[in-house]
Structure formats: structure tokens, C-alpha cells
PDB file of N, CA and C in Angstrom:
ATOM      1  N   MET A   1      -3.511   0.604 -12.040  1.00  0.00           N
ATOM      2  CA  MET A   1      -3.155   1.884 -11.454  1.00  0.00           C
ATOM      3  C   MET A   1      -1.703   1.831 -10.971  1.00  0.00           C
ATOM      4  N   LYS A   2      -1.032   2.934 -11.056  1.00  0.00           N
ATOM      5  CA  LYS A   2       0.381   3.023 -10.697  1.00  0.00           C
ATOM      6  C   LYS A   2       0.579   2.859  -9.187  1.00  0.00           C
ATOM      7  N   LYS A   3       1.651   2.156  -8.815  1.00  0.00           N
ATOM      8  CA  LYS A   3       1.998   2.031  -7.407  1.00  0.00           C
ATOM      9  C   LYS A   3       2.445   3.387  -6.881  1.00  0.00           C
ATOM     10  N   ASN A   4       2.319   3.579  -5.566  1.00  0.00           N
ATOM     11  CA  ASN A   4       2.785   4.830  -4.985  1.00  0.00           C
ATOM     12  C   ASN A   4       4.243   4.700  -4.542  1.00  0.00           C
ATOM     13  N   ILE A   5       4.849   5.806  -4.154  1.00  0.00           N
ATOM     14  CA  ILE A   5       6.273   5.830  -3.834  1.00  0.00           C
ATOM     15  C   ILE A   5       6.600   4.934  -2.638  1.00  0.00           C
ATOM     16  N   GLN A   6       5.703   4.852  -1.656  1.00  0.00           N
ATOM     17  CA  GLN A   6       5.961   3.979  -0.513  1.00  0.00           C
ATOM     18  C   GLN A   6       6.024   2.520  -0.939  1.00  0.00           C
ATOM     19  N   GLN A   7       5.145   2.118  -1.836  1.00  0.00           N
ATOM     20  CA  GLN A   7       5.187   0.747  -2.338  1.00  0.00           C
ATOM     21  C   GLN A   7       6.490   0.484  -3.080  1.00  0.00           C
ATOM     22  N   ASP A   8       6.953   1.476  -3.822  1.00  0.00           N
ATOM     23  CA  ASP A   8       8.232   1.324  -4.518  1.00  0.00           C
ATOM     24  C   ASP A   8       9.367   1.083  -3.529  1.00  0.00           C
ATOM     25  N   ILE A   9       9.348   1.773  -2.408  1.00  0.00           N
ATOM     26  CA  ILE A   9      10.400   1.617  -1.399  1.00  0.00           C
ATOM     27  C   ILE A   9      10.295   0.256  -0.718  1.00  0.00           C
ATOM     28  N   PHE A  10       9.101  -0.133  -0.321  1.00  0.00           N
ATOM     29  CA  PHE A  10       8.910  -1.393   0.405  1.00  0.00           C
ATOM     30  C   PHE A  10       9.166  -2.614  -0.470  1.00  0.00           C
ATOM     31  N   PHE A  11       8.680  -2.573  -1.699  1.00  0.00           N
ATOM     32  CA  PHE A  11       8.614  -3.784  -2.516  1.00  0.00           C
ATOM     33  C   PHE A  11       9.417  -3.687  -3.812  1.00  0.00           C
ATOM     34  N   ASP A  12      10.516  -2.978  -3.812  1.00  0.00           N
ATOM     35  CA  ASP A  12      11.326  -2.860  -5.024  1.00  0.00           C
ATOM     36  C   ASP A  12      12.250  -4.064  -5.190  1.00  0.00           C
ATOM     37  N   GLU A  13      13.155  -3.961  -6.135  1.00  0.00           N
ATOM     38  CA  GLU A  13      14.057  -5.083  -6.419  1.00  0.00           C
ATOM     39  C   GLU A  13      15.051  -5.354  -5.294  1.00  0.00           C
ATOM     40  N   HIS A  14      15.139  -4.440  -4.328  1.00  0.00           N
ATOM     41  CA  HIS A  14      16.045  -4.640  -3.190  1.00  0.00           C
ATOM     42  C   HIS A  14      15.382  -5.427  -2.055  1.00  0.00           C
ATOM     43  N   HIS A  15      14.080  -5.662  -2.162  1.00  0.00           N
ATOM     44  CA  HIS A  15      13.327  -6.464  -1.186  1.00  0.00           C
ATOM     45  C   HIS A  15      13.475  -5.918   0.236  1.00  0.00           C
ATOM     46  N   ASN A  16      13.281  -4.608   0.388  1.00  0.00           N
ATOM     47  CA  ASN A  16      13.461  -3.968   1.689  1.00  0.00           C
ATOM     48  C   ASN A  16      12.558  -4.552   2.767  1.00  0.00           C
ATOM     49  N   TRP A  17      11.291  -4.772   2.441  1.00  0.00           N
ATOM     50  CA  TRP A  17      10.373  -5.315   3.441  1.00  0.00           C
ATOM     51  C   TRP A  17      10.787  -6.726   3.841  1.00  0.00           C
ATOM     52  N   ASP A  18      11.132  -7.545   2.884  1.00  0.00           N
ATOM     53  CA  ASP A  18      11.542  -8.920   3.177  1.00  0.00           C
ATOM     54  C   ASP A  18      12.784  -8.947   4.061  1.00  0.00           C
ATOM     55  N   LYS A  19      13.725  -8.066   3.794  1.00  0.00           N
ATOM     56  CA  LYS A  19      14.934  -7.993   4.624  1.00  0.00           C
ATOM     57  C   LYS A  19      14.595  -7.551   6.042  1.00  0.00           C
ATOM     58  N   PHE A  20      13.704  -6.572   6.150  1.00  0.00           N
ATOM     59  CA  PHE A  20      13.298  -6.089   7.470  1.00  0.00           C
ATOM     60  C   PHE A  20      12.630  -7.200   8.270  1.00  0.00           C
ATOM     61  N   VAL A  21      11.744  -7.947   7.630  1.00  0.00           N
ATOM     62  CA  VAL A  21      11.050  -9.045   8.309  1.00  0.00           C
ATOM     63  C   VAL A  21      12.039 -10.130   8.720  1.00  0.00           C
ATOM     64  N   ALA A  22      12.994 -10.435   7.875  1.00  0.00           N
ATOM     65  CA  ALA A  22      13.985 -11.460   8.208  1.00  0.00           C
ATOM     66  C   ALA A  22      14.758 -11.085   9.469  1.00  0.00           C
ATOM     67  N   GLU A  23      15.042  -9.803   9.635  1.00  0.00           N
ATOM     68  CA  GLU A  23      15.807  -9.353  10.794  1.00  0.00           C
ATOM     69  C   GLU A  23      14.943  -9.070  12.014  1.00  0.00           C
ATOM     70  N   ASN A  24      13.704  -8.615  11.798  1.00  0.00           N
ATOM     71  CA  ASN A  24      12.890  -8.113  12.904  1.00  0.00           C
ATOM     72  C   ASN A  24      11.521  -8.762  13.033  1.00  0.00           C
ATOM     73  N   GLY A  25      11.218  -9.722  12.182  1.00  0.00           N
ATOM     74  CA  GLY A  25       9.879 -10.308  12.160  1.00  0.00           C
ATOM     75  C   GLY A  25       9.424 -10.872  13.487  1.00  0.00           C
ATOM     76  N   HIS A  26      10.341 -11.391  14.265  1.00  0.00           N
ATOM     77  CA  HIS A  26       9.978 -11.978  15.561  1.00  0.00           C
ATOM     78  C   HIS A  26       9.472 -10.924  16.543  1.00  0.00           C
ATOM     79  N   ARG A  27       9.739  -9.641  16.279  1.00  0.00           N
ATOM     80  CA  ARG A  27       9.295  -8.568  17.174  1.00  0.00           C
ATOM     81  C   ARG A  27       8.025  -7.878  16.695  1.00  0.00           C
ATOM     82  N   LEU A  28       7.543  -8.240  15.514  1.00  0.00           N
ATOM     83  CA  LEU A  28       6.376  -7.572  14.951  1.00  0.00           C
ATOM     84  C   LEU A  28       5.092  -8.301  15.317  1.00  0.00           C
ATOM     85  N   ARG A  29       4.065  -7.519  15.611  1.00  0.00           N
ATOM     86  CA  ARG A  29       2.758  -8.101  15.891  1.00  0.00           C
ATOM     87  C   ARG A  29       2.066  -8.476  14.583  1.00  0.00           C
ATOM     88  N   GLN A  30       1.123  -9.378  14.669  1.00  0.00           N
ATOM     89  CA  GLN A  30       0.398  -9.847  13.483  1.00  0.00           C
ATOM     90  C   GLN A  30      -0.300  -8.699  12.764  1.00  0.00           C
ATOM     91  N   VAL A  31      -0.762  -7.713  13.503  1.00  0.00           N
ATOM     92  CA  VAL A  31      -1.464  -6.589  12.882  1.00  0.00           C
ATOM     93  C   VAL A  31      -0.555  -5.856  11.885  1.00  0.00           C
ATOM     94  N   VAL A  32       0.740  -5.827  12.132  1.00  0.00           N
ATOM     95  CA  VAL A  32       1.672  -5.190  11.198  1.00  0.00           C
ATOM     96  C   VAL A  32       1.673  -5.940   9.870  1.00  0.00           C
ATOM     97  N   PHE A  33       1.743  -7.252   9.935  1.00  0.00           N
ATOM     98  CA  PHE A  33       1.720  -8.061   8.711  1.00  0.00           C
ATOM     99  C   PHE A  33       0.391  -7.896   7.974  1.00  0.00           C
ATOM    100  N   ASP A  34      -0.704  -7.844   8.731  1.00  0.00           N
ATOM    101  CA  ASP A  34      -2.022  -7.662   8.120  1.00  0.00           C
ATOM    102  C   ASP A  34      -2.105  -6.325   7.384  1.00  0.00           C
ATOM    103  N   GLU A  35      -1.620  -5.263   8.017  1.00  0.00           N
ATOM    104  CA  GLU A  35      -1.675  -3.936   7.403  1.00  0.00           C
ATOM    105  C   GLU A  35      -0.759  -3.837   6.186  1.00  0.00           C
ATOM    106  N   ILE A  36       0.389  -4.471   6.238  1.00  0.00           N
ATOM    107  CA  ILE A  36       1.300  -4.462   5.091  1.00  0.00           C
ATOM    108  C   ILE A  36       0.670  -5.198   3.907  1.00  0.00           C
ATOM    109  N   GLU A  37      -0.056  -6.279   4.171  1.00  0.00           N
ATOM    110  CA  GLU A  37      -0.743  -6.985   3.082  1.00  0.00           C
ATOM    111  C   GLU A  37      -1.791  -6.088   2.432  1.00  0.00           C
ATOM    112  N   LYS A  38      -2.525  -5.307   3.239  1.00  0.00           N
ATOM    113  CA  LYS A  38      -3.496  -4.358   2.682  1.00  0.00           C
ATOM    114  C   LYS A  38      -2.772  -3.287   1.865  1.00  0.00           C
ATOM    115  N   PHE A  39      -1.694  -2.780   2.427  1.00  0.00           N
ATOM    116  CA  PHE A  39      -0.896  -1.748   1.768  1.00  0.00           C
ATOM    117  C   PHE A  39      -0.338  -2.246   0.437  1.00  0.00           C
ATOM    118  N   LYS A  40       0.069  -3.493   0.397  1.00  0.00           N
ATOM    119  CA  LYS A  40       0.632  -4.083  -0.816  1.00  0.00           C
ATOM    120  C   LYS A  40      -0.400  -4.093  -1.948  1.00  0.00           C
ATOM    121  N   ARG A  41      -1.672  -4.218  -1.597  1.00  0.00           N
ATOM    122  CA  ARG A  41      -2.740  -4.283  -2.599  1.00  0.00           C
ATOM    123  C   ARG A  41      -3.357  -2.919  -2.904  1.00  0.00           C
ATOM    124  N   CYS A  42      -2.836  -1.876  -2.271  1.00  0.00           N
ATOM    125  CA  CYS A  42      -3.336  -0.525  -2.506  1.00  0.00           C
ATOM    126  C   CYS A  42      -3.149  -0.176  -3.981  1.00  0.00           C
ATOM    127  N   CYS A  43      -4.049   0.566  -4.530  1.00  0.00           N
ATOM    128  CA  CYS A  43      -4.054   0.998  -5.940  1.00  0.00           C
ATOM    129  C   CYS A  43      -4.487  -0.111  -6.884  1.00  0.00           C
ATOM    130  N   ASP A  44      -5.028  -1.189  -6.367  1.00  0.00           N
ATOM    131  CA  ASP A  44      -5.566  -2.261  -7.199  1.00  0.00           C
ATOM    132  C   ASP A  44      -7.071  -2.024  -7.315  1.00  0.00           C
ATOM    133  N   ARG A  45      -7.507  -1.495  -8.430  1.00  0.00           N
ATOM    134  CA  ARG A  45      -8.922  -1.137  -8.592  1.00  0.00           C
ATOM    135  C   ARG A  45      -9.854  -2.339  -8.496  1.00  0.00           C
ATOM    136  N   GLN A  46      -9.363  -3.520  -8.751  1.00  0.00           N
ATOM    137  CA  GLN A  46     -10.201  -4.710  -8.647  1.00  0.00           C
ATOM    138  C   GLN A  46     -10.603  -4.974  -7.199  1.00  0.00           C
ATOM    139  N   ARG A  47      -9.868  -4.431  -6.250  1.00  0.00           N
ATOM    140  CA  ARG A  47     -10.176  -4.620  -4.835  1.00  0.00           C
ATOM    141  C   ARG A  47     -11.049  -3.489  -4.298  1.00  0.00           C
ATOM    142  N   GLY A  48     -11.439  -2.561  -5.167  1.00  0.00           N
ATOM    143  CA  GLY A  48     -12.289  -1.448  -4.760  1.00  0.00           C
ATOM    144  C   GLY A  48     -11.531  -0.132  -4.775  1.00  0.00           C
ATOM    145  N   PHE A  49     -12.280   0.957  -4.787  1.00  0.00           N
ATOM    146  CA  PHE A  49     -11.670   2.279  -4.791  1.00  0.00           C
ATOM    147  C   PHE A  49     -12.715   3.292  -4.358  1.00  0.00           C
ATOM    148  N   ARG A  50     -12.252   4.506  -4.101  1.00  0.00           N
ATOM    149  CA  ARG A  50     -13.156   5.600  -3.763  1.00  0.00           C
ATOM    150  C   ARG A  50     -13.033   6.673  -4.828  1.00  0.00           C
ATOM    151  N   LEU A  51     -14.147   7.241  -5.169  1.00  0.00           N
ATOM    152  CA  LEU A  51     -14.181   8.326  -6.136  1.00  0.00           C
ATOM    153  C   LEU A  51     -14.650   9.578  -5.400  1.00  0.00           C
ATOM    154  N   TYR A  52     -13.834  10.613  -5.428  1.00  0.00           N
ATOM    155  CA  TYR A  52     -14.170  11.879  -4.792  1.00  0.00           C
ATOM    156  C   TYR A  52     -14.589  12.860  -5.875  1.00  0.00           C
ATOM    157  N   VAL A  53     -15.694  13.579  -5.604  1.00  0.00           N
ATOM    158  CA  VAL A  53     -16.211  14.550  -6.561  1.00  0.00           C
ATOM    159  C   VAL A  53     -16.441  15.870  -5.839  1.00  0.00           C
ATOM    160  N   CYS A  54     -15.863  16.944  -6.374  1.00  0.00           N
ATOM    161  CA  CYS A  54     -16.088  18.276  -5.822  1.00  0.00           C
ATOM    162  C   CYS A  54     -17.483  18.730  -6.240  1.00  0.00           C
ATOM    163  N   GLU A  55     -18.304  19.099  -5.267  1.00  0.00           N
ATOM    164  CA  GLU A  55     -19.666  19.524  -5.582  1.00  0.00           C
ATOM    165  C   GLU A  55     -19.694  20.875  -6.284  1.00  0.00           C
ATOM    166  N   ALA A  56     -18.657  21.675  -6.105  1.00  0.00           N
ATOM    167  CA  ALA A  56     -18.627  23.003  -6.721  1.00  0.00           C
ATOM    168  C   ALA A  56     -18.217  22.940  -8.192  1.00  0.00           C
ATOM    169  N   CYS A  57     -17.099  22.275  -8.482  1.00  0.00           N
ATOM    170  CA  CYS A  57     -16.581  22.289  -9.862  1.00  0.00           C
ATOM    171  C   CYS A  57     -16.682  20.930 -10.551  1.00  0.00           C
ATOM    172  N   HIS A  58     -17.113  19.914  -9.831  1.00  0.00           N
ATOM    173  CA  HIS A  58     -17.287  18.556 -10.350  1.00  0.00           C
ATOM    174  C   HIS A  58     -15.975  17.873 -10.735  1.00  0.00           C
ATOM    175  N   LEU A  59     -14.865  18.366 -10.217  1.00  0.00           N
ATOM    176  CA  LEU A  59     -13.577  17.712 -10.410  1.00  0.00           C
ATOM    177  C   LEU A  59     -13.617  16.364  -9.699  1.00  0.00           C
ATOM    178  N   THR A  60     -13.104  15.332 -10.339  1.00  0.00           N
ATOM    179  CA  THR A  60     -13.103  14.005  -9.726  1.00  0.00           C
ATOM    180  C   THR A  60     -11.679  13.541  -9.467  1.00  0.00           C
ATOM    181  N   ALA A  61     -11.533  12.711  -8.456  1.00  0.00           N
ATOM    182  CA  ALA A  61     -10.229  12.129  -8.114  1.00  0.00           C
ATOM    183  C   ALA A  61     -10.461  10.757  -7.515  1.00  0.00           C
ATOM    184  N   LEU A  62      -9.515   9.861  -7.766  1.00  0.00           N
ATOM    185  CA  LEU A  62      -9.561   8.521  -7.173  1.00  0.00           C
ATOM    186  C   LEU A  62      -8.749   8.503  -5.919  1.00  0.00           C
TER     187      LEU A  62
END
């Protein structure tokens, strides 16, 4: 599945997240790192997904 635009910003060839952590990592709580790891794996269907179905028209979306 395609990455979303936020992932492109955080994890592109400019390494924005890595640069931010290098400068500010000492001020970040562990929960921030935990959430970023989850975010990094977003859109990976092997890790699970949700399927939404409209009961009226049966349109589906991931």
C-alpha cells in the first residue's frame, strides 16, 4: 500500500525525522518514539488493516 504524505515528509531522502531526533531527542518522551514507530508502519497490510463498508451502497474503503 502507498505511503501517505506525512510519511513522505518524515521519512524521505532528507531524513527529517532523524535530523529532528538528533537535535531534540533528549527532550522527547519515549511515547513519542513509540508512536512514530507505529506511524512508520502505517499502510502495511501485513500488520493489519480495517475495512469500512457503507451499509447503504456497499462502498468499501481501507
